[in-house]
PDB file of N, CA and C in Angstrom:
ATOM      1  N   MET A   1     -13.042   1.202 -21.825  1.00  0.00           N
ATOM      2  CA  MET A   1     -13.737   2.428 -22.154  1.00  0.00           C
ATOM      3  C   MET A   1     -13.178   3.553 -21.305  1.00  0.00           C
ATOM      4  N   SER A   2     -12.820   4.623 -21.958  1.00  0.00           N
ATOM      5  CA  SER A   2     -12.306   5.762 -21.211  1.00  0.00           C
ATOM      6  C   SER A   2     -13.415   6.792 -21.020  1.00  0.00           C
ATOM      7  N   ASN A   3     -13.332   7.474 -19.912  1.00  0.00           N
ATOM      8  CA  ASN A   3     -14.314   8.498 -19.597  1.00  0.00           C
ATOM      9  C   ASN A   3     -13.772   9.835 -20.099  1.00  0.00           C
ATOM     10  N   PRO A   4     -14.438  10.478 -21.048  1.00  0.00           N
ATOM     11  CA  PRO A   4     -13.902  11.723 -21.598  1.00  0.00           C
ATOM     12  C   PRO A   4     -13.918  12.881 -20.597  1.00  0.00           C
ATOM     13  N   ASP A   5     -14.644  12.764 -19.492  1.00  0.00           N
ATOM     14  CA  ASP A   5     -14.700  13.832 -18.496  1.00  0.00           C
ATOM     15  C   ASP A   5     -13.459  13.869 -17.607  1.00  0.00           C
ATOM     16  N   LEU A   6     -12.726  12.760 -17.548  1.00  0.00           N
ATOM     17  CA  LEU A   6     -11.565  12.681 -16.672  1.00  0.00           C
ATOM     18  C   LEU A   6     -10.291  12.986 -17.446  1.00  0.00           C
ATOM     19  N   PRO A   7      -9.387  13.773 -16.873  1.00  0.00           N
ATOM     20  CA  PRO A   7      -8.120  14.035 -17.557  1.00  0.00           C
ATOM     21  C   PRO A   7      -7.230  12.794 -17.484  1.00  0.00           C
ATOM     22  N   PRO A   8      -6.352  12.633 -18.456  1.00  0.00           N
ATOM     23  CA  PRO A   8      -5.448  11.468 -18.400  1.00  0.00           C
ATOM     24  C   PRO A   8      -4.451  11.621 -17.249  1.00  0.00           C
ATOM     25  N   LEU A   9      -3.988  10.490 -16.736  1.00  0.00           N
ATOM     26  CA  LEU A   9      -3.021  10.510 -15.644  1.00  0.00           C
ATOM     27  C   LEU A   9      -1.642  10.881 -16.171  1.00  0.00           C
ATOM     28  N   THR A  10      -0.914  11.644 -15.382  1.00  0.00           N
ATOM     29  CA  THR A  10       0.458  11.973 -15.743  1.00  0.00           C
ATOM     30  C   THR A  10       1.360  10.788 -15.419  1.00  0.00           C
ATOM     31  N   GLY A  11       2.593  10.862 -15.883  1.00  0.00           N
ATOM     32  CA  GLY A  11       3.543   9.786 -15.593  1.00  0.00           C
ATOM     33  C   GLY A  11       3.800   9.625 -14.115  1.00  0.00           C
ATOM     34  N   GLU A  12       3.904  10.747 -13.405  1.00  0.00           N
ATOM     35  CA  GLU A  12       4.141  10.692 -11.961  1.00  0.00           C
ATOM     36  C   GLU A  12       2.957  10.048 -11.246  1.00  0.00           C
ATOM     37  N   GLN A  13       1.739  10.400 -11.649  1.00  0.00           N
ATOM     38  CA  GLN A  13       0.557   9.804 -11.032  1.00  0.00           C
ATOM     39  C   GLN A  13       0.507   8.307 -11.290  1.00  0.00           C
ATOM     40  N   LYS A  14       0.869   7.891 -12.489  1.00  0.00           N
ATOM     41  CA  LYS A  14       0.876   6.457 -12.803  1.00  0.00           C
ATOM     42  C   LYS A  14       1.901   5.712 -11.954  1.00  0.00           C
ATOM     43  N   ARG A  15       3.082   6.305 -11.759  1.00  0.00           N
ATOM     44  CA  ARG A  15       4.121   5.643 -10.953  1.00  0.00           C
ATOM     45  C   ARG A  15       3.685   5.476  -9.498  1.00  0.00           C
ATOM     46  N   TRP A  16       3.092   6.518  -8.916  1.00  0.00           N
ATOM     47  CA  TRP A  16       2.656   6.421  -7.515  1.00  0.00           C
ATOM     48  C   TRP A  16       1.482   5.463  -7.373  1.00  0.00           C
ATOM     49  N   ALA A  17       0.585   5.442  -8.356  1.00  0.00           N
ATOM     50  CA  ALA A  17      -0.533   4.494  -8.317  1.00  0.00           C
ATOM     51  C   ALA A  17      -0.013   3.062  -8.435  1.00  0.00           C
ATOM     52  N   PHE A  18       0.982   2.841  -9.300  1.00  0.00           N
ATOM     53  CA  PHE A  18       1.572   1.511  -9.441  1.00  0.00           C
ATOM     54  C   PHE A  18       2.262   1.082  -8.148  1.00  0.00           C
ATOM     55  N   ALA A  19       2.991   2.009  -7.516  1.00  0.00           N
ATOM     56  CA  ALA A  19       3.660   1.681  -6.256  1.00  0.00           C
ATOM     57  C   ALA A  19       2.642   1.306  -5.183  1.00  0.00           C
ATOM     58  N   ALA A  20       1.549   2.049  -5.124  1.00  0.00           N
ATOM     59  CA  ALA A  20       0.505   1.744  -4.135  1.00  0.00           C
ATOM     60  C   ALA A  20      -0.129   0.385  -4.416  1.00  0.00           C
ATOM     61  N   ALA A  21      -0.387   0.099  -5.693  1.00  0.00           N
ATOM     62  CA  ALA A  21      -0.994  -1.184  -6.045  1.00  0.00           C
ATOM     63  C   ALA A  21      -0.049  -2.346  -5.751  1.00  0.00           C
ATOM     64  N   ALA A  22       1.241  -2.156  -6.028  1.00  0.00           N
ATOM     65  CA  ALA A  22       2.219  -3.217  -5.752  1.00  0.00           C
ATOM     66  C   ALA A  22       2.307  -3.499  -4.256  1.00  0.00           C
ATOM     67  N   LEU A  23       2.324  -2.437  -3.445  1.00  0.00           N
ATOM     68  CA  LEU A  23       2.362  -2.632  -1.995  1.00  0.00           C
ATOM     69  C   LEU A  23       1.083  -3.301  -1.488  1.00  0.00           C
ATOM     70  N   PHE A  24      -0.053  -2.937  -2.090  1.00  0.00           N
ATOM     71  CA  PHE A  24      -1.314  -3.553  -1.689  1.00  0.00           C
ATOM     72  C   PHE A  24      -1.300  -5.051  -2.002  1.00  0.00           C
ATOM     73  N   LEU A  25      -0.820  -5.415  -3.180  1.00  0.00           N
ATOM     74  CA  LEU A  25      -0.742  -6.837  -3.533  1.00  0.00           C
ATOM     75  C   LEU A  25       0.240  -7.580  -2.637  1.00  0.00           C
ATOM     76  N   LEU A  26       1.330  -6.917  -2.262  1.00  0.00           N
ATOM     77  CA  LEU A  26       2.274  -7.527  -1.325  1.00  0.00           C
ATOM     78  C   LEU A  26       1.612  -7.769   0.028  1.00  0.00           C
ATOM     79  N   ALA A  27       0.810  -6.822   0.486  1.00  0.00           N
ATOM     80  CA  ALA A  27       0.113  -6.972   1.762  1.00  0.00           C
ATOM     81  C   ALA A  27      -0.914  -8.095   1.700  1.00  0.00           C
ATOM     82  N   VAL A  28      -1.621  -8.208   0.598  1.00  0.00           N
ATOM     83  CA  VAL A  28      -2.593  -9.295   0.445  1.00  0.00           C
ATOM     84  C   VAL A  28      -1.870 -10.643   0.417  1.00  0.00           C
ATOM     85  N   GLY A  29      -0.757 -10.698  -0.285  1.00  0.00           N
ATOM     86  CA  GLY A  29       0.027 -11.935  -0.319  1.00  0.00           C
ATOM     87  C   GLY A  29       0.554 -12.313   1.051  1.00  0.00           C
ATOM     88  N   PHE A  30       1.037 -11.313   1.798  1.00  0.00           N
ATOM     89  CA  PHE A  30       1.518 -11.600   3.146  1.00  0.00           C
ATOM     90  C   PHE A  30       0.384 -12.045   4.057  1.00  0.00           C
ATOM     91  N   LEU A  31      -0.803 -11.479   3.864  1.00  0.00           N
ATOM     92  CA  LEU A  31      -1.960 -11.919   4.650  1.00  0.00           C
ATOM     93  C   LEU A  31      -2.261 -13.384   4.373  1.00  0.00           C
ATOM     94  N   GLY A  32      -2.210 -13.785   3.120  1.00  0.00           N
ATOM     95  CA  GLY A  32      -2.421 -15.193   2.788  1.00  0.00           C
ATOM     96  C   GLY A  32      -1.385 -16.089   3.434  1.00  0.00           C
ATOM     97  N   PHE A  33      -0.120 -15.672   3.376  1.00  0.00           N
ATOM     98  CA  PHE A  33       0.944 -16.442   4.018  1.00  0.00           C
ATOM     99  C   PHE A  33       0.733 -16.512   5.530  1.00  0.00           C
ATOM    100  N   ALA A  34       0.383 -15.373   6.128  1.00  0.00           N
ATOM    101  CA  ALA A  34       0.202 -15.318   7.586  1.00  0.00           C
ATOM    102  C   ALA A  34      -0.951 -16.207   8.029  1.00  0.00           C
ATOM    103  N   LEU A  35      -2.033 -16.197   7.274  1.00  0.00           N
ATOM    104  CA  LEU A  35      -3.169 -17.045   7.642  1.00  0.00           C
ATOM    105  C   LEU A  35      -2.829 -18.521   7.468  1.00  0.00           C
ATOM    106  N   ASN A  36      -2.072 -18.835   6.444  1.00  0.00           N
ATOM    107  CA  ASN A  36      -1.705 -20.222   6.195  1.00  0.00           C
ATOM    108  C   ASN A  36      -0.731 -20.738   7.256  1.00  0.00           C
ATOM    109  N   ALA A  37       0.262 -19.917   7.606  1.00  0.00           N
ATOM    110  CA  ALA A  37       1.286 -20.336   8.555  1.00  0.00           C
ATOM    111  C   ALA A  37       0.922 -20.008  10.001  1.00  0.00           C
ATOM    112  N   GLN A  38      -0.152 -19.233  10.207  1.00  0.00           N
ATOM    113  CA  GLN A  38      -0.557 -18.785  11.539  1.00  0.00           C
ATOM    114  C   GLN A  38       0.577 -18.040  12.238  1.00  0.00           C
ATOM    115  N   VAL A  39       1.241 -17.166  11.480  1.00  0.00           N
ATOM    116  CA  VAL A  39       2.346 -16.370  11.989  1.00  0.00           C
ATOM    117  C   VAL A  39       2.065 -14.909  11.666  1.00  0.00           C
ATOM    118  N   MET A  40       2.135 -14.018  12.641  1.00  0.00           N
ATOM    119  CA  MET A  40       1.953 -12.578  12.459  1.00  0.00           C
ATOM    120  C   MET A  40       0.608 -12.231  11.805  1.00  0.00           C
ATOM    121  N   VAL A  41      -0.428 -12.933  12.184  1.00  0.00           N
ATOM    122  CA  VAL A  41      -1.751 -12.712  11.594  1.00  0.00           C
ATOM    123  C   VAL A  41      -2.278 -11.325  11.964  1.00  0.00           C
ATOM    124  N   VAL A  42      -2.080 -10.918  13.193  1.00  0.00           N
ATOM    125  CA  VAL A  42      -2.576  -9.608  13.624  1.00  0.00           C
ATOM    126  C   VAL A  42      -1.895  -8.492  12.828  1.00  0.00           C
ATOM    127  N   PHE A  43      -0.588  -8.609  12.633  1.00  0.00           N
ATOM    128  CA  PHE A  43       0.127  -7.615  11.836  1.00  0.00           C
ATOM    129  C   PHE A  43      -0.393  -7.591  10.408  1.00  0.00           C
ATOM    130  N   ALA A  44      -0.588  -8.742   9.806  1.00  0.00           N
ATOM    131  CA  ALA A  44      -1.028  -8.808   8.415  1.00  0.00           C
ATOM    132  C   ALA A  44      -2.416  -8.202   8.227  1.00  0.00           C
ATOM    133  N   VAL A  45      -3.329  -8.519   9.130  1.00  0.00           N
ATOM    134  CA  VAL A  45      -4.684  -7.963   9.037  1.00  0.00           C
ATOM    135  C   VAL A  45      -4.654  -6.459   9.300  1.00  0.00           C
ATOM    136  N   GLY A  46      -3.913  -6.040  10.320  1.00  0.00           N
ATOM    137  CA  GLY A  46      -3.826  -4.621  10.642  1.00  0.00           C
ATOM    138  C   GLY A  46      -3.172  -3.814   9.538  1.00  0.00           C
ATOM    139  N   TRP A  47      -2.138  -4.372   8.920  1.00  0.00           N
ATOM    140  CA  TRP A  47      -1.444  -3.672   7.840  1.00  0.00           C
ATOM    141  C   TRP A  47      -2.378  -3.478   6.651  1.00  0.00           C
ATOM    142  N   LEU A  48      -3.124  -4.510   6.312  1.00  0.00           N
ATOM    143  CA  LEU A  48      -4.046  -4.394   5.182  1.00  0.00           C
ATOM    144  C   LEU A  48      -5.167  -3.399   5.491  1.00  0.00           C
ATOM    145  N   ALA A  49      -5.686  -3.423   6.712  1.00  0.00           N
ATOM    146  CA  ALA A  49      -6.736  -2.467   7.089  1.00  0.00           C
ATOM    147  C   ALA A  49      -6.196  -1.037   7.083  1.00  0.00           C
ATOM    148  N   LEU A  50      -4.995  -0.841   7.630  1.00  0.00           N
ATOM    149  CA  LEU A  50      -4.378   0.480   7.610  1.00  0.00           C
ATOM    150  C   LEU A  50      -4.168   0.962   6.183  1.00  0.00           C
ATOM    151  N   MET A  51      -3.788   0.058   5.316  1.00  0.00           N
ATOM    152  CA  MET A  51      -3.557   0.406   3.924  1.00  0.00           C
ATOM    153  C   MET A  51      -4.850   0.836   3.232  1.00  0.00           C
ATOM    154  N   ILE A  52      -5.902   0.083   3.436  1.00  0.00           N
ATOM    155  CA  ILE A  52      -7.180   0.408   2.788  1.00  0.00           C
ATOM    156  C   ILE A  52      -7.695   1.757   3.272  1.00  0.00           C
ATOM    157  N   PHE A  53      -7.780   1.936   4.582  1.00  0.00           N
ATOM    158  CA  PHE A  53      -8.299   3.192   5.108  1.00  0.00           C
ATOM    159  C   PHE A  53      -7.371   4.368   4.791  1.00  0.00           C
ATOM    160  N   GLY A  54      -6.070   4.135   4.804  1.00  0.00           N
ATOM    161  CA  GLY A  54      -5.113   5.196   4.502  1.00  0.00           C
ATOM    162  C   GLY A  54      -5.193   5.645   3.057  1.00  0.00           C
ATOM    163  N   TYR A  55      -5.228   4.694   2.132  1.00  0.00           N
ATOM    164  CA  TYR A  55      -5.296   5.050   0.711  1.00  0.00           C
ATOM    165  C   TYR A  55      -6.613   5.751   0.381  1.00  0.00           C
ATOM    166  N   VAL A  56      -7.700   5.217   0.889  1.00  0.00           N
ATOM    167  CA  VAL A  56      -9.008   5.826   0.603  1.00  0.00           C
ATOM    168  C   VAL A  56      -9.083   7.235   1.177  1.00  0.00           C
ATOM    169  N   GLY A  57      -8.655   7.402   2.419  1.00  0.00           N
ATOM    170  CA  GLY A  57      -8.688   8.726   3.040  1.00  0.00           C
ATOM    171  C   GLY A  57      -7.770   9.715   2.336  1.00  0.00           C
ATOM    172  N   ALA A  58      -6.583   9.269   1.972  1.00  0.00           N
ATOM    173  CA  ALA A  58      -5.643  10.157   1.289  1.00  0.00           C
ATOM    174  C   ALA A  58      -6.173  10.554  -0.082  1.00  0.00           C
ATOM    175  N   LEU A  59      -6.756   9.606  -0.794  1.00  0.00           N
ATOM    176  CA  LEU A  59      -7.293   9.937  -2.124  1.00  0.00           C
ATOM    177  C   LEU A  59      -8.495  10.867  -2.031  1.00  0.00           C
ATOM    178  N   LYS A  60      -9.308  10.703  -0.989  1.00  0.00           N
ATOM    179  CA  LYS A  60     -10.438  11.621  -0.817  1.00  0.00           C
ATOM    180  C   LYS A  60      -9.945  13.036  -0.551  1.00  0.00           C
ATOM    181  N   MET A  61      -8.971  13.168   0.349  1.00  0.00           N
ATOM    182  CA  MET A  61      -8.468  14.496   0.682  1.00  0.00           C
ATOM    183  C   MET A  61      -7.669  15.107  -0.471  1.00  0.00           C
ATOM    184  N   ALA A  62      -7.039  14.250  -1.291  1.00  0.00           N
ATOM    185  CA  ALA A  62      -6.245  14.727  -2.422  1.00  0.00           C
ATOM    186  C   ALA A  62      -7.093  14.900  -3.677  1.00  0.00           C
ATOM    187  N   LYS A  63      -8.387  14.641  -3.563  1.00  0.00           N
ATOM    188  CA  LYS A  63      -9.317  14.761  -4.694  1.00  0.00           C
ATOM    189  C   LYS A  63      -8.906  13.886  -5.874  1.00  0.00           C
ATOM    190  N   GLY A  64      -8.434  12.675  -5.566  1.00  0.00           N
ATOM    191  CA  GLY A  64      -8.110  11.693  -6.596  1.00  0.00           C
ATOM    192  C   GLY A  64      -6.752  11.848  -7.241  1.00  0.00           C
ATOM    193  N   ASP A  65      -5.918  12.750  -6.724  1.00  0.00           N
ATOM    194  CA  ASP A  65      -4.594  12.980  -7.305  1.00  0.00           C
ATOM    195  C   ASP A  65      -3.590  12.017  -6.679  1.00  0.00           C
ATOM    196  N   PHE A  66      -3.095  11.074  -7.492  1.00  0.00           N
ATOM    197  CA  PHE A  66      -2.139  10.092  -6.986  1.00  0.00           C
ATOM    198  C   PHE A  66      -0.771  10.711  -6.701  1.00  0.00           C
ATOM    199  N   ALA A  67      -0.481  11.882  -7.255  1.00  0.00           N
ATOM    200  CA  ALA A  67       0.809  12.532  -7.040  1.00  0.00           C
ATOM    201  C   ALA A  67       0.744  13.563  -5.918  1.00  0.00           C
ATOM    202  N   HIS A  68      -0.343  13.607  -5.176  1.00  0.00           N
ATOM    203  CA  HIS A  68      -0.481  14.545  -4.059  1.00  0.00           C
ATOM    204  C   HIS A  68       0.455  14.107  -2.926  1.00  0.00           C
ATOM    205  N   PRO A  69       1.060  15.050  -2.226  1.00  0.00           N
ATOM    206  CA  PRO A  69       1.984  14.688  -1.137  1.00  0.00           C
ATOM    207  C   PRO A  69       1.358  13.799  -0.054  1.00  0.00           C
ATOM    208  N   LEU A  70       0.078  13.952   0.220  1.00  0.00           N
ATOM    209  CA  LEU A  70      -0.568  13.115   1.226  1.00  0.00           C
ATOM    210  C   LEU A  70      -0.620  11.650   0.773  1.00  0.00           C
ATOM    211  N   PHE A  71      -0.932  11.429  -0.490  1.00  0.00           N
ATOM    212  CA  PHE A  71      -0.961  10.055  -1.003  1.00  0.00           C
ATOM    213  C   PHE A  71       0.454   9.488  -1.059  1.00  0.00           C
ATOM    214  N   LYS A  72       1.406  10.321  -1.444  1.00  0.00           N
ATOM    215  CA  LYS A  72       2.800   9.864  -1.476  1.00  0.00           C
ATOM    216  C   LYS A  72       3.266   9.453  -0.078  1.00  0.00           C
ATOM    217  N   SER A  73       2.845  10.201   0.936  1.00  0.00           N
ATOM    218  CA  SER A  73       3.250   9.857   2.298  1.00  0.00           C
ATOM    219  C   SER A  73       2.625   8.536   2.737  1.00  0.00           C
ATOM    220  N   GLN A  74       1.416   8.253   2.277  1.00  0.00           N
ATOM    221  CA  GLN A  74       0.799   6.951   2.586  1.00  0.00           C
ATOM    222  C   GLN A  74       1.598   5.821   1.957  1.00  0.00           C
ATOM    223  N   VAL A  75       2.010   6.006   0.713  1.00  0.00           N
ATOM    224  CA  VAL A  75       2.805   4.973   0.038  1.00  0.00           C
ATOM    225  C   VAL A  75       4.123   4.777   0.779  1.00  0.00           C
ATOM    226  N   MET A  76       4.776   5.865   1.149  1.00  0.00           N
ATOM    227  CA  MET A  76       6.056   5.751   1.847  1.00  0.00           C
ATOM    228  C   MET A  76       5.894   5.138   3.239  1.00  0.00           C
ATOM    229  N   LEU A  77       4.768   5.378   3.893  1.00  0.00           N
ATOM    230  CA  LEU A  77       4.489   4.742   5.175  1.00  0.00           C
ATOM    231  C   LEU A  77       4.479   3.221   5.023  1.00  0.00           C
ATOM    232  N   HIS A  78       3.910   2.741   3.943  1.00  0.00           N
ATOM    233  CA  HIS A  78       3.838   1.300   3.732  1.00  0.00           C
ATOM    234  C   HIS A  78       5.165   0.736   3.231  1.00  0.00           C
ATOM    235  N   VAL A  79       5.989   1.558   2.606  1.00  0.00           N
ATOM    236  CA  VAL A  79       7.352   1.130   2.280  1.00  0.00           C
ATOM    237  C   VAL A  79       8.127   0.908   3.578  1.00  0.00           C
ATOM    238  N   VAL A  80       7.923   1.774   4.556  1.00  0.00           N
ATOM    239  CA  VAL A  80       8.555   1.605   5.872  1.00  0.00           C
ATOM    240  C   VAL A  80       8.040   0.322   6.536  1.00  0.00           C
ATOM    241  N   ALA A  81       6.747   0.042   6.392  1.00  0.00           N
ATOM    242  CA  ALA A  81       6.189  -1.190   6.960  1.00  0.00           C
ATOM    243  C   ALA A  81       6.830  -2.418   6.315  1.00  0.00           C
ATOM    244  N   VAL A  82       7.085  -2.364   5.015  1.00  0.00           N
ATOM    245  CA  VAL A  82       7.772  -3.475   4.339  1.00  0.00           C
ATOM    246  C   VAL A  82       9.182  -3.615   4.891  1.00  0.00           C
ATOM    247  N   GLY A  83       9.855  -2.497   5.095  1.00  0.00           N
ATOM    248  CA  GLY A  83      11.199  -2.541   5.671  1.00  0.00           C
ATOM    249  C   GLY A  83      11.205  -3.161   7.054  1.00  0.00           C
ATOM    250  N   LEU A  84      10.238  -2.800   7.885  1.00  0.00           N
ATOM    251  CA  LEU A  84      10.137  -3.399   9.215  1.00  0.00           C
ATOM    252  C   LEU A  84       9.831  -4.892   9.144  1.00  0.00           C
ATOM    253  N   LEU A  85       8.975  -5.261   8.214  1.00  0.00           N
ATOM    254  CA  LEU A  85       8.647  -6.679   8.039  1.00  0.00           C
ATOM    255  C   LEU A  85       9.879  -7.474   7.608  1.00  0.00           C
ATOM    256  N   VAL A  86      10.646  -6.926   6.681  1.00  0.00           N
ATOM    257  CA  VAL A  86      11.883  -7.591   6.250  1.00  0.00           C
ATOM    258  C   VAL A  86      12.859  -7.700   7.416  1.00  0.00           C
ATOM    259  N   ALA A  87      12.961  -6.655   8.219  1.00  0.00           N
ATOM    260  CA  ALA A  87      13.856  -6.683   9.373  1.00  0.00           C
ATOM    261  C   ALA A  87      13.451  -7.768  10.371  1.00  0.00           C
ATOM    262  N   VAL A  88      12.157  -7.910  10.603  1.00  0.00           N
ATOM    263  CA  VAL A  88      11.668  -8.939  11.521  1.00  0.00           C
ATOM    264  C   VAL A  88      11.953 -10.333  10.972  1.00  0.00           C
ATOM    265  N   ILE A  89      11.736 -10.504   9.678  1.00  0.00           N
ATOM    266  CA  ILE A  89      11.987 -11.819   9.062  1.00  0.00           C
ATOM    267  C   ILE A  89      13.475 -12.150   9.104  1.00  0.00           C
ATOM    268  N   LEU A  90      14.327 -11.173   8.780  1.00  0.00           N
ATOM    269  CA  LEU A  90      15.762 -11.417   8.843  1.00  0.00           C
ATOM    270  C   LEU A  90      16.212 -11.733  10.265  1.00  0.00           C
ATOM    271  N   ARG A  91      15.630 -11.050  11.230  1.00  0.00           N
ATOM    272  CA  ARG A  91      15.979 -11.291  12.640  1.00  0.00           C
ATOM    273  C   ARG A  91      15.537 -12.698  13.067  1.00  0.00           C
ATOM    274  N   ALA A  92      14.408 -13.161  12.529  1.00  0.00           N
ATOM    275  CA  ALA A  92      13.910 -14.486  12.906  1.00  0.00           C
ATOM    276  C   ALA A  92      14.805 -15.598  12.377  1.00  0.00           C
ATOM    277  N   PHE A  93      15.474 -15.364  11.259  1.00  0.00           N
ATOM    278  CA  PHE A  93      16.338 -16.396  10.681  1.00  0.00           C
ATOM    279  C   PHE A  93      17.776 -16.330  11.149  1.00  0.00           C
ATOM    280  N   LYS A  94      18.098 -15.373  12.010  1.00  0.00           N
ATOM    281  CA  LYS A  94      19.448 -15.272  12.551  1.00  0.00           C
ATOM    282  C   LYS A  94      19.672 -16.276  13.638  1.00  0.00           C
TER     283      LYS A  94
END
């Protein structure tokens, strides 16, 4: 059911919302792995908490606009976190 009071999302808003959702699912998956393997649990919990509070705060300040620069910066912050996580994993296997 669509709400007629809300405007439809633009393509850019859909892309940024999808990127945020994909990163969130990646963080949840990593949390599951971390809890199972008992490795980097603090990072996994902290990353997920930072993600939740960051996305909610950014969306509140952006008034629900997924294409707002503040929300985009939150998504890019978590892309950097993924890069750091990959770097740590690659370093561990060297």
